[in-house]
């Protein structure tokens, strides 16, 4: 798969266009919003799980 990156934007080569690859272009703010939309809830759920697991293991030891 041949790709050219220019100014942070992925541009498809002629070979990839023939294969039908589609790459959506976005600005930096959209990229950051997408990352935060995934990472913030994921980190919250991991934190919630670890706190719950540590409290349950602490109550079993007593």
Foldseek 3Di string as FASTA:
>chain_A
DDWDADPNFIDDDPVVVVVPDDDDDDDPVVVVVVVCVPPVVVVVVVVVVVVVVVVVVVVVVD
